[in-house]
N, C-alpha and C. Protein backbone atom coordinates (compact mmCIF):
# COMPACT_ATOMS: atom_id res chain seq x y z
N TRP A 1 197.85 -8.98 -132.97
CA TRP A 1 198.55 -9.48 -131.81
C TRP A 1 198.24 -10.92 -131.49
N THR A 2 197.20 -11.46 -132.12
CA THR A 2 196.93 -12.89 -132.01
C THR A 2 196.56 -13.42 -133.39
N CYS A 3 197.12 -14.53 -133.74
CA CYS A 3 196.82 -15.15 -135.03
C CYS A 3 195.82 -16.29 -134.83
N GLY A 4 194.84 -16.37 -135.70
CA GLY A 4 193.90 -17.49 -135.69
C GLY A 4 192.82 -17.41 -134.63
N LEU A 5 192.71 -16.30 -133.93
CA LEU A 5 191.71 -16.19 -132.86
C LEU A 5 190.30 -16.40 -133.38
N GLU A 6 190.03 -15.90 -134.56
CA GLU A 6 188.68 -16.04 -135.12
C GLU A 6 188.35 -17.49 -135.49
N GLU A 7 189.37 -18.34 -135.56
CA GLU A 7 189.17 -19.74 -135.93
C GLU A 7 188.97 -20.67 -134.74
N ILE A 8 189.21 -20.19 -133.54
CA ILE A 8 189.04 -21.03 -132.34
C ILE A 8 187.57 -21.03 -131.98
N SER A 9 186.96 -22.21 -131.92
CA SER A 9 185.52 -22.28 -131.72
C SER A 9 185.09 -21.82 -130.33
N GLN A 10 185.79 -22.22 -129.30
CA GLN A 10 185.43 -21.80 -127.93
C GLN A 10 186.72 -21.49 -127.17
N CYS A 11 187.24 -20.30 -127.35
CA CYS A 11 188.50 -19.97 -126.71
C CYS A 11 188.29 -19.54 -125.25
N ILE A 12 189.32 -19.76 -124.47
CA ILE A 12 189.31 -19.37 -123.06
C ILE A 12 190.44 -18.36 -122.86
N ILE A 13 190.08 -17.20 -122.34
CA ILE A 13 191.02 -16.11 -122.11
C ILE A 13 191.07 -15.80 -120.63
N TYR A 14 192.28 -15.70 -120.07
CA TYR A 14 192.47 -15.24 -118.70
C TYR A 14 193.20 -13.91 -118.79
N SER A 15 192.62 -12.89 -118.18
CA SER A 15 193.20 -11.55 -118.19
C SER A 15 193.39 -11.10 -116.75
N PHE A 16 194.65 -10.96 -116.33
CA PHE A 16 194.97 -10.56 -114.96
C PHE A 16 195.35 -9.09 -114.94
N GLY A 17 194.62 -8.32 -114.13
CA GLY A 17 194.85 -6.88 -114.02
C GLY A 17 194.03 -6.13 -115.05
N SER A 18 193.12 -5.30 -114.59
CA SER A 18 192.28 -4.56 -115.54
C SER A 18 192.18 -3.08 -115.20
N ASN A 19 192.09 -2.78 -113.91
CA ASN A 19 191.87 -1.40 -113.46
C ASN A 19 190.68 -0.77 -114.17
N GLY A 20 189.67 -1.58 -114.45
CA GLY A 20 188.44 -1.07 -115.07
C GLY A 20 188.56 -0.82 -116.56
N ASP A 21 189.65 -1.23 -117.18
CA ASP A 21 189.88 -0.99 -118.61
C ASP A 21 189.76 -2.32 -119.35
N ASP A 22 188.86 -2.39 -120.33
CA ASP A 22 188.65 -3.64 -121.07
C ASP A 22 189.06 -3.53 -122.53
N PHE A 23 190.04 -2.69 -122.84
CA PHE A 23 190.48 -2.53 -124.24
C PHE A 23 190.88 -3.87 -124.86
N PHE A 24 191.75 -4.61 -124.18
CA PHE A 24 192.21 -5.90 -124.69
C PHE A 24 191.04 -6.87 -124.82
N GLU A 25 190.27 -7.01 -123.77
CA GLU A 25 189.17 -7.98 -123.74
C GLU A 25 188.10 -7.65 -124.79
N ASN A 26 187.79 -6.38 -124.94
CA ASN A 26 186.81 -5.96 -125.93
C ASN A 26 187.32 -6.22 -127.35
N SER A 27 188.62 -6.02 -127.56
CA SER A 27 189.22 -6.33 -128.87
C SER A 27 189.09 -7.82 -129.19
N VAL A 28 189.31 -8.65 -128.18
CA VAL A 28 189.16 -10.10 -128.37
C VAL A 28 187.71 -10.43 -128.73
N LYS A 29 186.76 -9.86 -127.99
CA LYS A 29 185.33 -10.10 -128.26
C LYS A 29 184.94 -9.66 -129.67
N ASN A 30 185.54 -8.57 -130.14
CA ASN A 30 185.24 -8.10 -131.49
C ASN A 30 185.74 -9.06 -132.56
N ILE A 31 186.80 -9.80 -132.26
CA ILE A 31 187.33 -10.78 -133.21
C ILE A 31 186.58 -12.10 -133.10
N ASN A 32 186.30 -12.53 -131.86
CA ASN A 32 185.62 -13.80 -131.66
C ASN A 32 184.68 -13.69 -130.46
N GLU A 33 183.42 -13.48 -130.72
CA GLU A 33 182.44 -13.27 -129.64
C GLU A 33 182.19 -14.53 -128.82
N LYS A 34 182.65 -15.69 -129.30
CA LYS A 34 182.46 -16.94 -128.56
C LYS A 34 183.50 -17.15 -127.46
N CYS A 35 184.51 -16.27 -127.40
CA CYS A 35 185.54 -16.43 -126.39
C CYS A 35 184.96 -16.26 -124.98
N GLU A 36 185.35 -17.13 -124.10
CA GLU A 36 184.98 -17.06 -122.69
C GLU A 36 186.11 -16.29 -122.00
N ILE A 37 185.82 -15.06 -121.59
CA ILE A 37 186.85 -14.17 -121.05
C ILE A 37 186.68 -14.02 -119.55
N HIS A 38 187.75 -14.32 -118.83
CA HIS A 38 187.79 -14.17 -117.38
C HIS A 38 188.77 -13.07 -117.03
N ILE A 39 188.27 -12.05 -116.32
CA ILE A 39 189.10 -10.94 -115.85
C ILE A 39 189.29 -11.11 -114.35
N PHE A 40 190.55 -11.09 -113.92
CA PHE A 40 190.90 -11.26 -112.51
C PHE A 40 191.54 -9.98 -112.02
N ASP A 41 190.93 -9.33 -111.03
CA ASP A 41 191.53 -8.11 -110.48
C ASP A 41 190.91 -7.80 -109.12
N PRO A 42 191.63 -8.11 -108.05
CA PRO A 42 191.10 -7.81 -106.72
C PRO A 42 191.34 -6.36 -106.29
N THR A 43 192.10 -5.59 -107.08
CA THR A 43 192.49 -4.26 -106.65
C THR A 43 191.61 -3.14 -107.19
N SER A 44 190.77 -3.42 -108.16
CA SER A 44 190.04 -2.33 -108.83
C SER A 44 188.58 -2.18 -108.41
N GLY A 45 188.14 -2.89 -107.40
CA GLY A 45 186.75 -2.76 -106.96
C GLY A 45 185.79 -3.47 -107.89
N ASP A 46 184.54 -3.05 -107.87
CA ASP A 46 183.53 -3.68 -108.70
C ASP A 46 183.74 -3.33 -110.17
N PRO A 47 183.47 -4.27 -111.06
CA PRO A 47 183.63 -3.98 -112.49
C PRO A 47 182.55 -3.04 -112.99
N PRO A 48 182.81 -2.32 -114.08
CA PRO A 48 181.77 -1.47 -114.67
C PRO A 48 180.53 -2.28 -115.02
N SER A 49 179.37 -1.68 -114.91
CA SER A 49 178.11 -2.40 -115.14
C SER A 49 178.00 -2.96 -116.56
N HIS A 50 178.60 -2.31 -117.54
CA HIS A 50 178.48 -2.80 -118.92
C HIS A 50 179.30 -4.08 -119.16
N TRP A 51 180.09 -4.52 -118.20
CA TRP A 51 180.81 -5.78 -118.32
C TRP A 51 179.92 -6.98 -118.02
N GLN A 52 178.82 -6.75 -117.32
CA GLN A 52 177.95 -7.85 -116.91
C GLN A 52 177.43 -8.60 -118.14
N GLY A 53 177.59 -9.90 -118.12
CA GLY A 53 177.15 -10.74 -119.23
C GLY A 53 178.16 -10.82 -120.37
N LYS A 54 179.16 -9.96 -120.34
CA LYS A 54 180.17 -9.93 -121.40
C LYS A 54 181.44 -10.67 -120.98
N TYR A 55 181.82 -10.49 -119.70
CA TYR A 55 183.01 -11.13 -119.14
C TYR A 55 182.66 -11.77 -117.81
N HIS A 56 183.55 -12.65 -117.35
CA HIS A 56 183.45 -13.22 -116.02
C HIS A 56 184.49 -12.50 -115.17
N PHE A 57 184.04 -11.77 -114.16
CA PHE A 57 184.96 -10.98 -113.34
C PHE A 57 185.19 -11.68 -112.01
N HIS A 58 186.46 -11.74 -111.61
CA HIS A 58 186.85 -12.40 -110.37
C HIS A 58 187.68 -11.44 -109.53
N LYS A 59 187.29 -11.26 -108.28
CA LYS A 59 188.01 -10.37 -107.37
C LYS A 59 189.14 -11.11 -106.66
N VAL A 60 189.94 -11.79 -107.43
CA VAL A 60 191.09 -12.52 -106.90
C VAL A 60 192.20 -12.41 -107.95
N GLY A 61 193.42 -12.27 -107.49
CA GLY A 61 194.53 -12.04 -108.39
C GLY A 61 195.32 -13.29 -108.71
N LEU A 62 196.50 -13.05 -109.24
CA LEU A 62 197.41 -14.11 -109.64
C LEU A 62 198.64 -14.08 -108.75
N CYS A 63 199.05 -15.24 -108.28
CA CYS A 63 200.25 -15.32 -107.46
C CYS A 63 200.97 -16.63 -107.76
N ALA A 64 202.18 -16.70 -107.28
CA ALA A 64 203.03 -17.86 -107.52
C ALA A 64 202.85 -18.89 -106.41
N GLY A 65 202.98 -20.15 -106.79
CA GLY A 65 202.99 -21.23 -105.81
C GLY A 65 201.73 -21.30 -104.96
N ASP A 66 201.94 -21.51 -103.66
CA ASP A 66 200.82 -21.66 -102.73
C ASP A 66 200.45 -20.37 -102.02
N THR A 67 200.99 -19.25 -102.46
CA THR A 67 200.66 -17.96 -101.87
C THR A 67 199.17 -17.69 -102.04
N THR A 68 198.54 -17.09 -101.04
CA THR A 68 197.11 -16.80 -101.13
C THR A 68 196.78 -15.32 -100.99
N PHE A 69 197.78 -14.49 -100.68
CA PHE A 69 197.60 -13.04 -100.58
C PHE A 69 198.83 -12.34 -101.14
N PHE A 70 198.63 -11.13 -101.66
CA PHE A 70 199.76 -10.33 -102.11
C PHE A 70 199.54 -8.87 -101.74
N SER A 71 200.61 -8.11 -101.79
CA SER A 71 200.59 -6.68 -101.52
C SER A 71 201.18 -5.97 -102.73
N LEU A 72 200.83 -4.72 -102.92
CA LEU A 72 201.39 -3.94 -104.01
C LEU A 72 202.65 -3.19 -103.58
N ASP A 73 203.09 -3.43 -102.37
CA ASP A 73 204.30 -2.78 -101.87
C ASP A 73 205.49 -3.18 -102.75
N GLY A 74 206.23 -2.20 -103.23
CA GLY A 74 207.39 -2.46 -104.07
C GLY A 74 207.06 -2.65 -105.54
N THR A 75 205.82 -2.44 -105.94
CA THR A 75 205.42 -2.60 -107.34
C THR A 75 205.38 -1.24 -108.03
N ASN A 76 204.92 -1.24 -109.25
CA ASN A 76 204.86 -0.02 -110.05
C ASN A 76 203.56 0.77 -109.86
N THR A 77 202.77 0.43 -108.87
CA THR A 77 201.50 1.12 -108.69
C THR A 77 201.71 2.59 -108.31
N LYS A 78 200.84 3.44 -108.80
CA LYS A 78 200.89 4.86 -108.48
C LYS A 78 199.83 5.21 -107.43
N THR A 79 199.08 4.24 -106.99
CA THR A 79 198.01 4.47 -106.03
C THR A 79 198.50 4.05 -104.65
N LYS A 80 198.98 5.00 -103.87
CA LYS A 80 199.59 4.72 -102.57
C LYS A 80 198.62 4.05 -101.60
N ALA A 81 197.33 4.38 -101.67
CA ALA A 81 196.36 3.79 -100.74
C ALA A 81 196.25 2.29 -100.93
N LYS A 82 196.50 1.80 -102.13
CA LYS A 82 196.39 0.38 -102.41
C LYS A 82 197.59 -0.41 -101.90
N VAL A 83 198.72 0.26 -101.67
CA VAL A 83 199.95 -0.41 -101.27
C VAL A 83 199.83 -1.07 -99.91
N ALA A 84 199.16 -0.42 -98.98
CA ALA A 84 199.07 -0.92 -97.61
C ALA A 84 198.14 -2.13 -97.47
N LYS A 85 197.31 -2.38 -98.43
CA LYS A 85 196.35 -3.49 -98.36
C LYS A 85 196.97 -4.79 -98.85
N THR A 86 196.31 -5.89 -98.49
CA THR A 86 196.65 -7.17 -99.08
C THR A 86 195.43 -7.65 -99.86
N TYR A 87 195.69 -8.44 -100.89
CA TYR A 87 194.64 -8.88 -101.80
C TYR A 87 194.72 -10.39 -101.98
N PRO A 88 193.57 -11.05 -102.16
CA PRO A 88 193.58 -12.51 -102.37
C PRO A 88 194.11 -12.86 -103.74
N CYS A 89 194.78 -14.01 -103.81
CA CYS A 89 195.31 -14.47 -105.09
C CYS A 89 195.41 -15.99 -105.10
N LYS A 90 195.54 -16.53 -106.31
CA LYS A 90 195.71 -17.97 -106.52
C LYS A 90 196.70 -18.17 -107.66
N SER A 91 197.28 -19.34 -107.71
CA SER A 91 198.15 -19.70 -108.83
C SER A 91 197.29 -19.93 -110.07
N ILE A 92 197.92 -19.87 -111.22
CA ILE A 92 197.20 -20.15 -112.47
C ILE A 92 196.60 -21.56 -112.44
N LYS A 93 197.34 -22.48 -111.88
CA LYS A 93 196.88 -23.87 -111.77
C LYS A 93 195.60 -23.95 -110.94
N ASN A 94 195.54 -23.23 -109.83
CA ASN A 94 194.35 -23.25 -108.98
C ASN A 94 193.17 -22.51 -109.62
N HIS A 95 193.45 -21.42 -110.32
CA HIS A 95 192.36 -20.75 -111.06
C HIS A 95 191.74 -21.71 -112.07
N MET A 96 192.59 -22.39 -112.82
CA MET A 96 192.09 -23.33 -113.83
C MET A 96 191.30 -24.46 -113.18
N LYS A 97 191.80 -24.97 -112.08
CA LYS A 97 191.10 -26.06 -111.37
C LYS A 97 189.73 -25.59 -110.89
N ASP A 98 189.68 -24.40 -110.26
CA ASP A 98 188.42 -23.87 -109.74
C ASP A 98 187.39 -23.60 -110.83
N LEU A 99 187.87 -23.23 -112.02
CA LEU A 99 186.97 -22.93 -113.13
C LEU A 99 186.74 -24.13 -114.05
N ASN A 100 187.33 -25.27 -113.66
CA ASN A 100 187.18 -26.50 -114.43
C ASN A 100 187.70 -26.35 -115.87
N HIS A 101 188.83 -25.66 -116.02
CA HIS A 101 189.45 -25.49 -117.33
C HIS A 101 190.67 -26.39 -117.43
N THR A 102 190.84 -27.01 -118.57
CA THR A 102 192.01 -27.85 -118.80
C THR A 102 193.08 -27.12 -119.60
N HIS A 103 192.74 -25.95 -120.15
CA HIS A 103 193.70 -25.15 -120.90
C HIS A 103 193.25 -23.69 -120.91
N VAL A 104 194.16 -22.82 -121.28
CA VAL A 104 193.87 -21.41 -121.51
C VAL A 104 194.47 -21.06 -122.86
N ASP A 105 193.69 -20.44 -123.73
CA ASP A 105 194.19 -20.10 -125.07
C ASP A 105 195.05 -18.84 -125.05
N ILE A 106 194.64 -17.84 -124.30
CA ILE A 106 195.41 -16.60 -124.20
C ILE A 106 195.48 -16.19 -122.73
N LEU A 107 196.67 -15.88 -122.28
CA LEU A 107 196.91 -15.40 -120.92
C LEU A 107 197.50 -14.00 -121.01
N LYS A 108 196.81 -13.01 -120.43
CA LYS A 108 197.28 -11.63 -120.40
C LYS A 108 197.50 -11.25 -118.95
N ALA A 109 198.65 -10.66 -118.66
CA ALA A 109 198.92 -10.21 -117.29
C ALA A 109 199.51 -8.81 -117.31
N ASP A 110 198.82 -7.89 -116.66
CA ASP A 110 199.31 -6.52 -116.47
C ASP A 110 199.14 -6.26 -114.98
N VAL A 111 200.13 -6.68 -114.21
CA VAL A 111 199.98 -6.74 -112.76
C VAL A 111 201.08 -5.95 -112.03
N GLU A 112 201.15 -4.67 -112.35
CA GLU A 112 201.99 -3.71 -111.63
C GLU A 112 203.46 -4.12 -111.52
N GLY A 113 204.01 -4.69 -112.58
CA GLY A 113 205.43 -5.03 -112.60
C GLY A 113 205.78 -6.37 -112.00
N MET A 114 204.78 -7.14 -111.56
CA MET A 114 205.05 -8.44 -110.95
C MET A 114 205.06 -9.57 -111.97
N GLU A 115 204.89 -9.25 -113.26
CA GLU A 115 204.76 -10.26 -114.30
C GLU A 115 205.94 -11.23 -114.34
N TRP A 116 207.16 -10.72 -114.30
CA TRP A 116 208.34 -11.56 -114.43
C TRP A 116 208.50 -12.50 -113.24
N GLU A 117 208.21 -12.01 -112.05
CA GLU A 117 208.27 -12.88 -110.86
C GLU A 117 207.28 -14.02 -110.99
N LEU A 118 206.09 -13.72 -111.46
CA LEU A 118 205.06 -14.74 -111.59
C LEU A 118 205.42 -15.78 -112.65
N LEU A 119 206.01 -15.33 -113.74
CA LEU A 119 206.37 -16.26 -114.82
C LEU A 119 207.40 -17.30 -114.39
N LYS A 120 208.24 -16.95 -113.44
CA LYS A 120 209.25 -17.90 -112.96
C LYS A 120 208.62 -19.17 -112.40
N ASP A 121 207.41 -19.05 -111.85
CA ASP A 121 206.75 -20.17 -111.18
C ASP A 121 205.72 -20.88 -112.06
N PHE A 122 205.46 -20.34 -113.25
CA PHE A 122 204.39 -20.89 -114.10
C PHE A 122 204.77 -22.21 -114.75
N ASP A 123 203.82 -23.10 -114.73
CA ASP A 123 203.88 -24.28 -115.58
C ASP A 123 202.96 -23.97 -116.74
N LEU A 124 203.53 -23.61 -117.86
CA LEU A 124 202.74 -23.16 -119.02
C LEU A 124 202.32 -24.30 -119.95
N THR A 125 202.35 -25.51 -119.46
CA THR A 125 202.01 -26.67 -120.26
C THR A 125 200.63 -26.55 -120.88
N ASN A 126 199.64 -26.10 -120.12
CA ASN A 126 198.26 -26.03 -120.62
C ASN A 126 197.79 -24.62 -120.90
N VAL A 127 198.73 -23.71 -121.04
CA VAL A 127 198.39 -22.31 -121.34
C VAL A 127 198.85 -21.98 -122.73
């Protein structure tokens, strides 16, 4: 699913939405252990303990433009209790700025059906 990943000396991966599942991220680590992997998910609580030291976990999501909070209302989530809450989020540009990144090598988003809405606002120049 990715070509040349093993050849990138210091790759940066942003993964939005995890629900405690690191199948994608672990597969990346198995191909290139030097990848710096950031998992963003404000909806899934604390990450599993075995993620410590392996990934950088952020309890903030992805949103378009200057939005700073989102709700799961109207999304594909099956967890009704999560729908009533709001969660913090930032644009991809602001995530990169806060983490002092000038580019992202791989961007993965599994965010309850909101992917297409978010892509409309993305400037993918450095992704």
